[in-house]
Amino acid sequence: LFRLASMTKPIVSVAAVMMIERGEMALHDPASKWLPELKAMKVETRRQAKDGTEEVVDLPVNREILVHDLLRHTAGLVYSGSTKSPRIKEAYEKANIEALEEQVTRGQFSIVQIKPIRKRSGR
């Protein structure tokens, strides 16, 4: 895999529409059908602890990420540079997910499986 930056959006969108037209994919299919790393995602949530302080917890998402969430960029996935979450930023940087100088591996993408997303799908 090679980084194509923003050019992946039109390429993947056209490929997805072609698959939808052939009946191989539906907009409401879970994205985990093709990317198992997206199954059982958790969302990083800040809430008030019993002692009144703020705590950060990872809660299950309300529903799985769907194909249309990915196409509309409403899946909750973020860039490390734009997230306000130190945990997510550190995890992405440690895994070198946004490296521009090398190939992307499936192993780099699999970090998504164990790290929380920043917001709930569909928003």
PDB file of N, CA and C in Angstrom:
ATOM      1  N   LEU A   1       0.835  -1.175   0.000  1.00  0.00           N
ATOM      2  CA  LEU A   1       0.000   0.000   0.000  1.00  0.00           C
ATOM      3  C   LEU A   1       0.881   1.240   0.000  1.00  0.00           C
ATOM      4  N   PHE A   2       0.471   2.242  -0.725  1.00  0.00           N
ATOM      5  CA  PHE A   2       1.220   3.490  -0.771  1.00  0.00           C
ATOM      6  C   PHE A   2       0.308   4.638  -0.386  1.00  0.00           C
ATOM      7  N   ARG A   3       0.857   5.641   0.245  1.00  0.00           N
ATOM      8  CA  ARG A   3       0.081   6.817   0.630  1.00  0.00           C
ATOM      9  C   ARG A   3      -0.300   7.614  -0.607  1.00  0.00           C
ATOM     10  N   LEU A   4      -1.554   7.896  -0.720  1.00  0.00           N
ATOM     11  CA  LEU A   4      -2.054   8.755  -1.787  1.00  0.00           C
ATOM     12  C   LEU A   4      -2.728   9.991  -1.208  1.00  0.00           C
ATOM     13  N   ALA A   5      -2.627  10.132   0.107  1.00  0.00           N
ATOM     14  CA  ALA A   5      -3.218  11.269   0.813  1.00  0.00           C
ATOM     15  C   ALA A   5      -4.689  11.416   0.439  1.00  0.00           C
ATOM     16  N   SER A   6      -5.113  12.615   0.121  1.00  0.00           N
ATOM     17  CA  SER A   6      -6.528  12.867  -0.155  1.00  0.00           C
ATOM     18  C   SER A   6      -7.031  12.217  -1.434  1.00  0.00           C
ATOM     19  N   MET A   7      -6.144  11.723  -2.272  1.00  0.00           N
ATOM     20  CA  MET A   7      -6.590  11.067  -3.505  1.00  0.00           C
ATOM     21  C   MET A   7      -7.213   9.693  -3.247  1.00  0.00           C
ATOM     22  N   THR A   8      -7.044   9.165  -2.041  1.00  0.00           N
ATOM     23  CA  THR A   8      -7.697   7.896  -1.738  1.00  0.00           C
ATOM     24  C   THR A   8      -9.213   8.058  -1.688  1.00  0.00           C
ATOM     25  N   LYS A   9      -9.677   9.244  -1.342  1.00  0.00           N
ATOM     26  CA  LYS A   9     -11.131   9.459  -1.209  1.00  0.00           C
ATOM     27  C   LYS A   9     -11.873   9.222  -2.520  1.00  0.00           C
ATOM     28  N   PRO A  10     -11.499   9.864  -3.629  1.00  0.00           N
ATOM     29  CA  PRO A  10     -12.243   9.593  -4.863  1.00  0.00           C
ATOM     30  C   PRO A  10     -12.020   8.180  -5.399  1.00  0.00           C
ATOM     31  N   ILE A  11     -10.832   7.638  -5.221  1.00  0.00           N
ATOM     32  CA  ILE A  11     -10.554   6.294  -5.725  1.00  0.00           C
ATOM     33  C   ILE A  11     -11.398   5.260  -4.979  1.00  0.00           C
ATOM     34  N   VAL A  12     -11.375   5.321  -3.661  1.00  0.00           N
ATOM     35  CA  VAL A  12     -12.141   4.364  -2.858  1.00  0.00           C
ATOM     36  C   VAL A  12     -13.641   4.583  -3.033  1.00  0.00           C
ATOM     37  N   SER A  13     -14.077   5.820  -3.142  1.00  0.00           N
ATOM     38  CA  SER A  13     -15.508   6.098  -3.338  1.00  0.00           C
ATOM     39  C   SER A  13     -16.016   5.498  -4.644  1.00  0.00           C
ATOM     40  N   VAL A  14     -15.268   5.663  -5.723  1.00  0.00           N
ATOM     41  CA  VAL A  14     -15.672   5.091  -7.021  1.00  0.00           C
ATOM     42  C   VAL A  14     -15.693   3.570  -6.933  1.00  0.00           C
ATOM     43  N   ALA A  15     -14.678   2.982  -6.322  1.00  0.00           N
ATOM     44  CA  ALA A  15     -14.638   1.525  -6.180  1.00  0.00           C
ATOM     45  C   ALA A  15     -15.827   1.031  -5.353  1.00  0.00           C
ATOM     46  N   ALA A  16     -16.172   1.748  -4.281  1.00  0.00           N
ATOM     47  CA  ALA A  16     -17.307   1.352  -3.439  1.00  0.00           C
ATOM     48  C   ALA A  16     -18.618   1.432  -4.214  1.00  0.00           C
ATOM     49  N   VAL A  17     -18.812   2.492  -4.982  1.00  0.00           N
ATOM     50  CA  VAL A  17     -20.039   2.634  -5.775  1.00  0.00           C
ATOM     51  C   VAL A  17     -20.128   1.516  -6.814  1.00  0.00           C
ATOM     52  N   MET A  18     -19.006   1.159  -7.415  1.00  0.00           N
ATOM     53  CA  MET A  18     -19.006   0.053  -8.374  1.00  0.00           C
ATOM     54  C   MET A  18     -19.426  -1.254  -7.692  1.00  0.00           C
ATOM     55  N   MET A  19     -18.921  -1.489  -6.487  1.00  0.00           N
ATOM     56  CA  MET A  19     -19.296  -2.698  -5.747  1.00  0.00           C
ATOM     57  C   MET A  19     -20.768  -2.668  -5.360  1.00  0.00           C
ATOM     58  N   ILE A  20     -21.272  -1.496  -5.009  1.00  0.00           N
ATOM     59  CA  ILE A  20     -22.689  -1.359  -4.655  1.00  0.00           C
ATOM     60  C   ILE A  20     -23.556  -1.648  -5.873  1.00  0.00           C
ATOM     61  N   GLU A  21     -23.173  -1.106  -7.021  1.00  0.00           N
ATOM     62  CA  GLU A  21     -23.929  -1.346  -8.256  1.00  0.00           C
ATOM     63  C   GLU A  21     -23.972  -2.820  -8.624  1.00  0.00           C
ATOM     64  N   ARG A  22     -22.893  -3.552  -8.320  1.00  0.00           N
ATOM     65  CA  ARG A  22     -22.839  -4.986  -8.633  1.00  0.00           C
ATOM     66  C   ARG A  22     -23.477  -5.843  -7.542  1.00  0.00           C
ATOM     67  N   GLY A  23     -23.958  -5.208  -6.471  1.00  0.00           N
ATOM     68  CA  GLY A  23     -24.587  -5.947  -5.380  1.00  0.00           C
ATOM     69  C   GLY A  23     -23.603  -6.621  -4.443  1.00  0.00           C
ATOM     70  N   GLU A  24     -22.347  -6.239  -4.495  1.00  0.00           N
ATOM     71  CA  GLU A  24     -21.322  -6.843  -3.655  1.00  0.00           C
ATOM     72  C   GLU A  24     -21.172  -6.131  -2.309  1.00  0.00           C
ATOM     73  N   MET A  25     -21.759  -4.975  -2.197  1.00  0.00           N
ATOM     74  CA  MET A  25     -21.649  -4.167  -0.984  1.00  0.00           C
ATOM     75  C   MET A  25     -22.905  -3.317  -0.876  1.00  0.00           C
ATOM     76  N   ALA A  26     -23.276  -2.988   0.350  1.00  0.00           N
ATOM     77  CA  ALA A  26     -24.390  -2.064   0.576  1.00  0.00           C
ATOM     78  C   ALA A  26     -23.902  -0.936   1.480  1.00  0.00           C
ATOM     79  N   LEU A  27     -24.489   0.233   1.322  1.00  0.00           N
ATOM     80  CA  LEU A  27     -24.078   1.379   2.131  1.00  0.00           C
ATOM     81  C   LEU A  27     -24.247   1.121   3.625  1.00  0.00           C
ATOM     82  N   HIS A  28     -25.211   0.305   3.982  1.00  0.00           N
ATOM     83  CA  HIS A  28     -25.469   0.041   5.403  1.00  0.00           C
ATOM     84  C   HIS A  28     -24.779  -1.224   5.908  1.00  0.00           C
ATOM     85  N   ASP A  29     -23.887  -1.793   5.118  1.00  0.00           N
ATOM     86  CA  ASP A  29     -23.091  -2.931   5.587  1.00  0.00           C
ATOM     87  C   ASP A  29     -22.108  -2.462   6.650  1.00  0.00           C
ATOM     88  N   PRO A  30     -21.824  -3.312   7.643  1.00  0.00           N
ATOM     89  CA  PRO A  30     -20.757  -2.960   8.594  1.00  0.00           C
ATOM     90  C   PRO A  30     -19.412  -2.938   7.866  1.00  0.00           C
ATOM     91  N   ALA A  31     -18.615  -1.920   8.131  1.00  0.00           N
ATOM     92  CA  ALA A  31     -17.298  -1.815   7.506  1.00  0.00           C
ATOM     93  C   ALA A  31     -16.392  -2.966   7.941  1.00  0.00           C
ATOM     94  N   SER A  32     -16.690  -3.572   9.081  1.00  0.00           N
ATOM     95  CA  SER A  32     -15.868  -4.683   9.580  1.00  0.00           C
ATOM     96  C   SER A  32     -15.966  -5.917   8.680  1.00  0.00           C
ATOM     97  N   LYS A  33     -16.920  -5.940   7.778  1.00  0.00           N
ATOM     98  CA  LYS A  33     -17.022  -7.036   6.813  1.00  0.00           C
ATOM     99  C   LYS A  33     -15.762  -7.081   5.951  1.00  0.00           C
ATOM    100  N   TRP A  34     -15.167  -5.935   5.677  1.00  0.00           N
ATOM    101  CA  TRP A  34     -13.950  -5.843   4.867  1.00  0.00           C
ATOM    102  C   TRP A  34     -12.735  -5.483   5.708  1.00  0.00           C
ATOM    103  N   LEU A  35     -12.938  -4.797   6.791  1.00  0.00           N
ATOM    104  CA  LEU A  35     -11.844  -4.385   7.677  1.00  0.00           C
ATOM    105  C   LEU A  35     -12.166  -4.872   9.090  1.00  0.00           C
ATOM    106  N   PRO A  36     -11.816  -6.113   9.421  1.00  0.00           N
ATOM    107  CA  PRO A  36     -12.180  -6.677  10.724  1.00  0.00           C
ATOM    108  C   PRO A  36     -11.666  -5.854  11.909  1.00  0.00           C
ATOM    109  N   GLU A  37     -10.637  -5.024  11.672  1.00  0.00           N
ATOM    110  CA  GLU A  37     -10.112  -4.172  12.751  1.00  0.00           C
ATOM    111  C   GLU A  37     -11.158  -3.182  13.256  1.00  0.00           C
ATOM    112  N   LEU A  38     -12.184  -2.926  12.465  1.00  0.00           N
ATOM    113  CA  LEU A  38     -13.208  -1.951  12.853  1.00  0.00           C
ATOM    114  C   LEU A  38     -14.353  -2.578  13.648  1.00  0.00           C
ATOM    115  N   LYS A  39     -14.272  -3.856  13.939  1.00  0.00           N
ATOM    116  CA  LYS A  39     -15.308  -4.540  14.720  1.00  0.00           C
ATOM    117  C   LYS A  39     -15.129  -4.203  16.199  1.00  0.00           C
ATOM    118  N   ALA A  40     -16.220  -4.015  16.896  1.00  0.00           N
ATOM    119  CA  ALA A  40     -16.216  -3.788  18.354  1.00  0.00           C
ATOM    120  C   ALA A  40     -15.354  -2.595  18.762  1.00  0.00           C
ATOM    121  N   MET A  41     -15.487  -1.505  18.042  1.00  0.00           N
ATOM    122  CA  MET A  41     -14.730  -0.289  18.360  1.00  0.00           C
ATOM    123  C   MET A  41     -15.217   0.308  19.682  1.00  0.00           C
ATOM    124  N   LYS A  42     -14.361   1.100  20.262  1.00  0.00           N
ATOM    125  CA  LYS A  42     -14.715   1.850  21.471  1.00  0.00           C
ATOM    126  C   LYS A  42     -14.468   3.319  21.189  1.00  0.00           C
ATOM    127  N   VAL A  43     -15.191   4.162  21.917  1.00  0.00           N
ATOM    128  CA  VAL A  43     -15.042   5.599  21.744  1.00  0.00           C
ATOM    129  C   VAL A  43     -14.513   6.191  23.046  1.00  0.00           C
ATOM    130  N   GLU A  44     -13.508   7.037  22.912  1.00  0.00           N
ATOM    131  CA  GLU A  44     -12.953   7.708  24.089  1.00  0.00           C
ATOM    132  C   GLU A  44     -13.970   8.722  24.596  1.00  0.00           C
ATOM    133  N   THR A  45     -14.307   8.626  25.873  1.00  0.00           N
ATOM    134  CA  THR A  45     -15.349   9.476  26.452  1.00  0.00           C
ATOM    135  C   THR A  45     -14.854  10.082  27.764  1.00  0.00           C
ATOM    136  N   ARG A  46     -15.065  11.359  27.894  1.00  0.00           N
ATOM    137  CA  ARG A  46     -14.741  12.036  29.161  1.00  0.00           C
ATOM    138  C   ARG A  46     -16.023  12.141  29.972  1.00  0.00           C
ATOM    139  N   ARG A  47     -15.917  11.820  31.258  1.00  0.00           N
ATOM    140  CA  ARG A  47     -17.093  11.906  32.124  1.00  0.00           C
ATOM    141  C   ARG A  47     -16.656  12.211  33.546  1.00  0.00           C
ATOM    142  N   GLN A  48     -17.629  12.535  34.353  1.00  0.00           N
ATOM    143  CA  GLN A  48     -17.332  12.870  35.743  1.00  0.00           C
ATOM    144  C   GLN A  48     -17.257  11.584  36.563  1.00  0.00           C
ATOM    145  N   ALA A  49     -16.157  11.420  37.277  1.00  0.00           N
ATOM    146  CA  ALA A  49     -15.975  10.251  38.137  1.00  0.00           C
ATOM    147  C   ALA A  49     -16.783  10.432  39.425  1.00  0.00           C
ATOM    148  N   LYS A  50     -16.878   9.379  40.195  1.00  0.00           N
ATOM    149  CA  LYS A  50     -17.635   9.429  41.454  1.00  0.00           C
ATOM    150  C   LYS A  50     -17.079  10.455  42.426  1.00  0.00           C
ATOM    151  N   ASP A  51     -15.768  10.690  42.354  1.00  0.00           N
ATOM    152  CA  ASP A  51     -15.158  11.667  43.263  1.00  0.00           C
ATOM    153  C   ASP A  51     -15.238  13.103  42.730  1.00  0.00           C
ATOM    154  N   GLY A  52     -15.906  13.285  41.598  1.00  0.00           N
ATOM    155  CA  GLY A  52     -16.106  14.617  41.043  1.00  0.00           C
ATOM    156  C   GLY A  52     -15.062  15.047  40.032  1.00  0.00           C
ATOM    157  N   THR A  53     -13.996  14.282  39.893  1.00  0.00           N
ATOM    158  CA  THR A  53     -12.972  14.621  38.909  1.00  0.00           C
ATOM    159  C   THR A  53     -13.381  14.085  37.540  1.00  0.00           C
ATOM    160  N   GLU A  54     -12.708  14.592  36.517  1.00  0.00           N
ATOM    161  CA  GLU A  54     -12.983  14.110  35.167  1.00  0.00           C
ATOM    162  C   GLU A  54     -12.148  12.861  34.900  1.00  0.00           C
ATOM    163  N   GLU A  55     -12.775  11.859  34.293  1.00  0.00           N
ATOM    164  CA  GLU A  55     -12.052  10.656  33.920  1.00  0.00           C
ATOM    165  C   GLU A  55     -12.273  10.367  32.438  1.00  0.00           C
ATOM    166  N   VAL A  56     -11.324   9.650  31.846  1.00  0.00           N
ATOM    167  CA  VAL A  56     -11.415   9.257  30.445  1.00  0.00           C
ATOM    168  C   VAL A  56     -11.615   7.748  30.414  1.00  0.00           C
ATOM    169  N   VAL A  57     -12.704   7.331  29.769  1.00  0.00           N
ATOM    170  CA  VAL A  57     -13.003   5.904  29.655  1.00  0.00           C
ATOM    171  C   VAL A  57     -13.304   5.570  28.202  1.00  0.00           C
ATOM    172  N   ASP A  58     -13.098   4.324  27.848  1.00  0.00           N
ATOM    173  CA  ASP A  58     -13.423   3.848  26.509  1.00  0.00           C
ATOM    174  C   ASP A  58     -14.723   3.058  26.592  1.00  0.00           C
ATOM    175  N   LEU A  59     -15.750   3.560  25.917  1.00  0.00           N
ATOM    176  CA  LEU A  59     -17.054   2.916  25.920  1.00  0.00           C
ATOM    177  C   LEU A  59     -17.348   2.311  24.553  1.00  0.00           C
ATOM    178  N   PRO A  60     -18.116   1.223  24.533  1.00  0.00           N
ATOM    179  CA  PRO A  60     -18.485   0.646  23.234  1.00  0.00           C
ATOM    180  C   PRO A  60     -19.276   1.659  22.407  1.00  0.00           C
ATOM    181  N   VAL A  61     -19.085   1.619  21.095  1.00  0.00           N
ATOM    182  CA  VAL A  61     -19.852   2.506  20.216  1.00  0.00           C
ATOM    183  C   VAL A  61     -21.314   2.078  20.225  1.00  0.00           C
ATOM    184  N   ASN A  62     -22.201   3.009  19.881  1.00  0.00           N
ATOM    185  CA  ASN A  62     -23.633   2.705  19.843  1.00  0.00           C
ATOM    186  C   ASN A  62     -23.966   1.675  18.780  1.00  0.00           C
ATOM    187  N   ARG A  63     -23.223   1.725  17.686  1.00  0.00           N
ATOM    188  CA  ARG A  63     -23.414   0.779  16.587  1.00  0.00           C
ATOM    189  C   ARG A  63     -22.100   0.662  15.840  1.00  0.00           C
ATOM    190  N   GLU A  64     -21.988  -0.397  15.041  1.00  0.00           N
ATOM    191  CA  GLU A  64     -20.771  -0.573  14.256  1.00  0.00           C
ATOM    192  C   GLU A  64     -20.614   0.549  13.229  1.00  0.00           C
ATOM    193  N   ILE A  65     -19.387   0.771  12.826  1.00  0.00           N
ATOM    194  CA  ILE A  65     -19.115   1.708  11.740  1.00  0.00           C
ATOM    195  C   ILE A  65     -19.622   1.078  10.451  1.00  0.00           C
ATOM    196  N   LEU A  66     -20.390   1.832   9.692  1.00  0.00           N
ATOM    197  CA  LEU A  66     -20.963   1.344   8.444  1.00  0.00           C
ATOM    198  C   LEU A  66     -20.183   1.890   7.253  1.00  0.00           C
ATOM    199  N   VAL A  67     -20.369   1.263   6.097  1.00  0.00           N
ATOM    200  CA  VAL A  67     -19.701   1.714   4.877  1.00  0.00           C
ATOM    201  C   VAL A  67     -19.988   3.190   4.631  1.00  0.00           C
ATOM    202  N   HIS A  68     -21.250   3.594   4.781  1.00  0.00           N
ATOM    203  CA  HIS A  68     -21.575   5.001   4.501  1.00  0.00           C
ATOM    204  C   HIS A  68     -20.933   5.950   5.504  1.00  0.00           C
ATOM    205  N   ASP A  69     -20.635   5.490   6.712  1.00  0.00           N
ATOM    206  CA  ASP A  69     -19.907   6.338   7.668  1.00  0.00           C
ATOM    207  C   ASP A  69     -18.507   6.644   7.146  1.00  0.00           C
ATOM    208  N   LEU A  70     -17.856   5.631   6.584  1.00  0.00           N
ATOM    209  CA  LEU A  70     -16.512   5.846   6.033  1.00  0.00           C
ATOM    210  C   LEU A  70     -16.551   6.766   4.817  1.00  0.00           C
ATOM    211  N   LEU A  71     -17.536   6.563   3.946  1.00  0.00           N
ATOM    212  CA  LEU A  71     -17.633   7.397   2.745  1.00  0.00           C
ATOM    213  C   LEU A  71     -17.980   8.847   3.076  1.00  0.00           C
ATOM    214  N   ARG A  72     -18.720   9.064   4.160  1.00  0.00           N
ATOM    215  CA  ARG A  72     -19.102  10.434   4.549  1.00  0.00           C
ATOM    216  C   ARG A  72     -18.130  11.046   5.559  1.00  0.00           C
ATOM    217  N   HIS A  73     -17.129  10.288   5.946  1.00  0.00           N
ATOM    218  CA  HIS A  73     -16.146  10.752   6.950  1.00  0.00           C
ATOM    219  C   HIS A  73     -16.815  11.040   8.287  1.00  0.00           C
ATOM    220  N   THR A  74     -17.768  10.192   8.659  1.00  0.00           N
ATOM    221  CA  THR A  74     -18.452  10.337   9.945  1.00  0.00           C
ATOM    222  C   THR A  74     -18.268   9.089  10.807  1.00  0.00           C
ATOM    223  N   ALA A  75     -17.173   8.366  10.598  1.00  0.00           N
ATOM    224  CA  ALA A  75     -16.917   7.134  11.351  1.00  0.00           C
ATOM    225  C   ALA A  75     -16.292   7.404  12.716  1.00  0.00           C
ATOM    226  N   GLY A  76     -15.789   8.609  12.933  1.00  0.00           N
ATOM    227  CA  GLY A  76     -15.149   8.934  14.206  1.00  0.00           C
ATOM    228  C   GLY A  76     -13.639   8.810  14.178  1.00  0.00           C
ATOM    229  N   LEU A  77     -13.086   8.375  13.064  1.00  0.00           N
ATOM    230  CA  LEU A  77     -11.630   8.273  12.937  1.00  0.00           C
ATOM    231  C   LEU A  77     -11.049   9.673  12.755  1.00  0.00           C
ATOM    232  N   VAL A  78      -9.875   9.893  13.293  1.00  0.00           N
ATOM    233  CA  VAL A  78      -9.274  11.223  13.266  1.00  0.00           C
ATOM    234  C   VAL A  78      -7.829  11.154  12.795  1.00  0.00           C
ATOM    235  N   TYR A  79      -7.285  12.304  12.463  1.00  0.00           N
ATOM    236  CA  TYR A  79      -5.851  12.443  12.217  1.00  0.00           C
ATOM    237  C   TYR A  79      -5.191  12.751  13.552  1.00  0.00           C
ATOM    238  N   SER A  80      -3.980  12.281  13.759  1.00  0.00           N
ATOM    239  CA  SER A  80      -3.323  12.538  15.040  1.00  0.00           C
ATOM    240  C   SER A  80      -3.109  14.026  15.275  1.00  0.00           C
ATOM    241  N   GLY A  81      -2.881  14.781  14.208  1.00  0.00           N
ATOM    242  CA  GLY A  81      -2.641  16.211  14.362  1.00  0.00           C
ATOM    243  C   GLY A  81      -3.877  17.018  14.699  1.00  0.00           C
ATOM    244  N   SER A  82      -5.048  16.462  14.456  1.00  0.00           N
ATOM    245  CA  SER A  82      -6.268  17.226  14.709  1.00  0.00           C
ATOM    246  C   SER A  82      -7.025  16.790  15.960  1.00  0.00           C
ATOM    247  N   THR A  83      -6.590  15.708  16.585  1.00  0.00           N
ATOM    248  CA  THR A  83      -7.309  15.247  17.772  1.00  0.00           C
ATOM    249  C   THR A  83      -6.878  16.022  19.006  1.00  0.00           C
ATOM    250  N   LYS A  84      -7.810  16.211  19.914  1.00  0.00           N
ATOM    251  CA  LYS A  84      -7.502  16.856  21.188  1.00  0.00           C
ATOM    252  C   LYS A  84      -7.137  15.820  22.249  1.00  0.00           C
ATOM    253  N   SER A  85      -7.226  14.556  21.878  1.00  0.00           N
ATOM    254  CA  SER A  85      -6.948  13.475  22.820  1.00  0.00           C
ATOM    255  C   SER A  85      -5.457  13.145  22.832  1.00  0.00           C
ATOM    256  N   PRO A  86      -4.787  13.374  23.953  1.00  0.00           N
ATOM    257  CA  PRO A  86      -3.364  13.009  24.040  1.00  0.00           C
ATOM    258  C   PRO A  86      -3.140  11.508  23.852  1.00  0.00           C
ATOM    259  N   ARG A  87      -4.066  10.673  24.349  1.00  0.00           N
ATOM    260  CA  ARG A  87      -3.928   9.219  24.232  1.00  0.00           C
ATOM    261  C   ARG A  87      -3.964   8.779  22.770  1.00  0.00           C
ATOM    262  N   ILE A  88      -4.938   9.282  22.017  1.00  0.00           N
ATOM    263  CA  ILE A  88      -5.077   8.886  20.620  1.00  0.00           C
ATOM    264  C   ILE A  88      -3.891   9.420  19.817  1.00  0.00           C
ATOM    265  N   LYS A  89      -3.531  10.664  20.068  1.00  0.00           N
ATOM    266  CA  LYS A  89      -2.393  11.273  19.359  1.00  0.00           C
ATOM    267  C   LYS A  89      -1.125  10.454  19.589  1.00  0.00           C
ATOM    268  N   GLU A  90      -0.852  10.113  20.831  1.00  0.00           N
ATOM    269  CA  GLU A  90       0.348   9.345  21.164  1.00  0.00           C
ATOM    270  C   GLU A  90       0.328   7.961  20.513  1.00  0.00           C
ATOM    271  N   ALA A  91      -0.815   7.289  20.536  1.00  0.00           N
ATOM    272  CA  ALA A  91      -0.915   5.949  19.942  1.00  0.00           C
ATOM    273  C   ALA A  91      -0.680   5.997  18.436  1.00  0.00           C
ATOM    274  N   TYR A  92      -1.266   6.971  17.767  1.00  0.00           N
ATOM    275  CA  TYR A  92      -1.090   7.094  16.311  1.00  0.00           C
ATOM    276  C   TYR A  92       0.355   7.430  15.969  1.00  0.00           C
ATOM    277  N   GLU A  93       0.960   8.334  16.732  1.00  0.00           N
ATOM    278  CA  GLU A  93       2.342   8.703  16.458  1.00  0.00           C
ATOM    279  C   GLU A  93       3.291   7.543  16.742  1.00  0.00           C
ATOM    280  N   LYS A  94       3.042   6.790  17.807  1.00  0.00           N
ATOM    281  CA  LYS A  94       3.883   5.648  18.148  1.00  0.00           C
ATOM    282  C   LYS A  94       3.808   4.580  17.055  1.00  0.00           C
ATOM    283  N   ALA A  95       2.625   4.386  16.486  1.00  0.00           N
ATOM    284  CA  ALA A  95       2.456   3.386  15.426  1.00  0.00           C
ATOM    285  C   ALA A  95       2.863   3.926  14.064  1.00  0.00           C
ATOM    286  N   ASN A  96       3.202   5.210  13.998  1.00  0.00           N
ATOM    287  CA  ASN A  96       3.659   5.844  12.760  1.00  0.00           C
ATOM    288  C   ASN A  96       2.595   5.759  11.662  1.00  0.00           C
ATOM    289  N   ILE A  97       1.338   5.869  12.047  1.00  0.00           N
ATOM    290  CA  ILE A  97       0.227   5.721  11.108  1.00  0.00           C
ATOM    291  C   ILE A  97       0.255   6.787  10.020  1.00  0.00           C
ATOM    292  N   GLU A  98       0.627   7.984  10.359  1.00  0.00           N
ATOM    293  CA  GLU A  98       0.583   9.069   9.379  1.00  0.00           C
ATOM    294  C   GLU A  98       1.936   9.370   8.750  1.00  0.00           C
ATOM    295  N   ALA A  99       2.844   8.408   8.785  1.00  0.00           N
ATOM    296  CA  ALA A  99       4.166   8.604   8.178  1.00  0.00           C
ATOM    297  C   ALA A  99       4.006   8.824   6.684  1.00  0.00           C
ATOM    298  N   LEU A 100       4.695   9.796   6.163  1.00  0.00           N
ATOM    299  CA  LEU A 100       4.595  10.106   4.738  1.00  0.00           C
ATOM    300  C   LEU A 100       5.725   9.501   3.921  1.00  0.00           C
ATOM    301  N   GLU A 101       6.758   9.022   4.588  1.00  0.00           N
ATOM    302  CA  GLU A 101       7.942   8.604   3.861  1.00  0.00           C
ATOM    303  C   GLU A 101       8.028   7.103   3.594  1.00  0.00           C
ATOM    304  N   GLU A 102       7.046   6.332   4.018  1.00  0.00           N
ATOM    305  CA  GLU A 102       7.152   4.888   3.829  1.00  0.00           C
ATOM    306  C   GLU A 102       5.810   4.270   3.482  1.00  0.00           C
ATOM    307  N   GLN A 103       5.844   3.012   3.106  1.00  0.00           N
ATOM    308  CA  GLN A 103       4.614   2.296   2.781  1.00  0.00           C
ATOM    309  C   GLN A 103       3.763   2.111   4.031  1.00  0.00           C
ATOM    310  N   VAL A 104       2.460   2.037   3.810  1.00  0.00           N
ATOM    311  CA  VAL A 104       1.517   1.747   4.888  1.00  0.00           C
ATOM    312  C   VAL A 104       1.331   0.243   4.934  1.00  0.00           C
ATOM    313  N   THR A 105       1.350  -0.321   6.140  1.00  0.00           N
ATOM    314  CA  THR A 105       1.162  -1.755   6.274  1.00  0.00           C
ATOM    315  C   THR A 105      -0.158  -2.056   6.961  1.00  0.00           C
ATOM    316  N   ARG A 106      -0.635  -3.252   6.792  1.00  0.00           N
ATOM    317  CA  ARG A 106      -1.863  -3.666   7.474  1.00  0.00           C
ATOM    318  C   ARG A 106      -1.646  -3.580   8.982  1.00  0.00           C
ATOM    319  N   GLY A 107      -0.423  -3.833   9.426  1.00  0.00           N
ATOM    320  CA  GLY A 107      -0.108  -3.742  10.853  1.00  0.00           C
ATOM    321  C   GLY A 107      -0.296  -2.338  11.396  1.00  0.00           C
ATOM    322  N   GLN A 108       0.046  -1.320  10.603  1.00  0.00           N
ATOM    323  CA  GLN A 108      -0.171   0.051  11.048  1.00  0.00           C
ATOM    324  C   GLN A 108      -1.661   0.323  11.192  1.00  0.00           C
ATOM    325  N   PHE A 109      -2.450  -0.155  10.240  1.00  0.00           N
ATOM    326  CA  PHE A 109      -3.884   0.081  10.313  1.00  0.00           C
ATOM    327  C   PHE A 109      -4.503  -0.666  11.481  1.00  0.00           C
ATOM    328  N   SER A 110      -3.949  -1.809  11.856  1.00  0.00           N
ATOM    329  CA  SER A 110      -4.568  -2.618  12.905  1.00  0.00           C
ATOM    330  C   SER A 110      -4.539  -1.945  14.265  1.00  0.00           C
ATOM    331  N   ILE A 111      -3.770  -0.868  14.431  1.00  0.00           N
ATOM    332  CA  ILE A 111      -3.800  -0.154  15.707  1.00  0.00           C
ATOM    333  C   ILE A 111      -5.190   0.393  15.985  1.00  0.00           C
ATOM    334  N   VAL A 112      -5.937   0.649  14.930  1.00  0.00           N
ATOM    335  CA  VAL A 112      -7.295   1.146  15.106  1.00  0.00           C
ATOM    336  C   VAL A 112      -8.118   0.148  15.908  1.00  0.00           C
ATOM    337  N   GLN A 113      -7.806  -1.104  15.791  1.00  0.00           N
ATOM    338  CA  GLN A 113      -8.545  -2.154  16.480  1.00  0.00           C
ATOM    339  C   GLN A 113      -8.429  -2.010  17.998  1.00  0.00           C
ATOM    340  N   ILE A 114      -7.316  -1.539  18.482  1.00  0.00           N
ATOM    341  CA  ILE A 114      -7.119  -1.511  19.926  1.00  0.00           C
ATOM    342  C   ILE A 114      -7.185  -0.113  20.522  1.00  0.00           C
ATOM    343  N   LYS A 115      -7.312   0.892  19.695  1.00  0.00           N
ATOM    344  CA  LYS A 115      -7.362   2.259  20.184  1.00  0.00           C
ATOM    345  C   LYS A 115      -8.759   2.822  20.019  1.00  0.00           C
ATOM    346  N   PRO A 116      -9.186   3.682  20.923  1.00  0.00           N
ATOM    347  CA  PRO A 116     -10.526   4.264  20.803  1.00  0.00           C
ATOM    348  C   PRO A 116     -10.583   5.297  19.706  1.00  0.00           C
ATOM    349  N   ILE A 117     -11.787   5.502  19.176  1.00  0.00           N
ATOM    350  CA  ILE A 117     -11.998   6.584  18.237  1.00  0.00           C
ATOM    351  C   ILE A 117     -12.431   7.812  19.021  1.00  0.00           C
ATOM    352  N   ARG A 118     -12.471   8.947  18.371  1.00  0.00           N
ATOM    353  CA  ARG A 118     -12.706  10.193  19.086  1.00  0.00           C
ATOM    354  C   ARG A 118     -14.175  10.549  19.231  1.00  0.00           C
ATOM    355  N   LYS A 119     -15.024  10.093  18.325  1.00  0.00           N
ATOM    356  CA  LYS A 119     -16.439  10.411  18.447  1.00  0.00           C
ATOM    357  C   LYS A 119     -17.261   9.253  17.917  1.00  0.00           C
ATOM    358  N   ARG A 120     -18.506   9.236  18.260  1.00  0.00           N
ATOM    359  CA  ARG A 120     -19.365   8.141  17.850  1.00  0.00           C
ATOM    360  C   ARG A 120     -19.644   8.175  16.368  1.00  0.00           C
ATOM    361  N   SER A 121     -19.821   7.008  15.763  1.00  0.00           N
ATOM    362  CA  SER A 121     -20.100   6.900  14.333  1.00  0.00           C
ATOM    363  C   SER A 121     -21.381   7.637  13.962  1.00  0.00           C
ATOM    364  N   GLY A 122     -21.394   8.169  12.751  1.00  0.00           N
ATOM    365  CA  GLY A 122     -22.587   8.821  12.238  1.00  0.00           C
ATOM    366  C   GLY A 122     -22.719  10.280  12.629  1.00  0.00           C
ATOM    367  N   ARG A 123     -21.731  10.816  13.332  1.00  0.00           N
ATOM    368  CA  ARG A 123     -21.813  12.228  13.748  1.00  0.00           C
ATOM    369  C   ARG A 123     -20.716  13.039  13.143  1.00  0.00           C
TER     370      ARG A 123
END
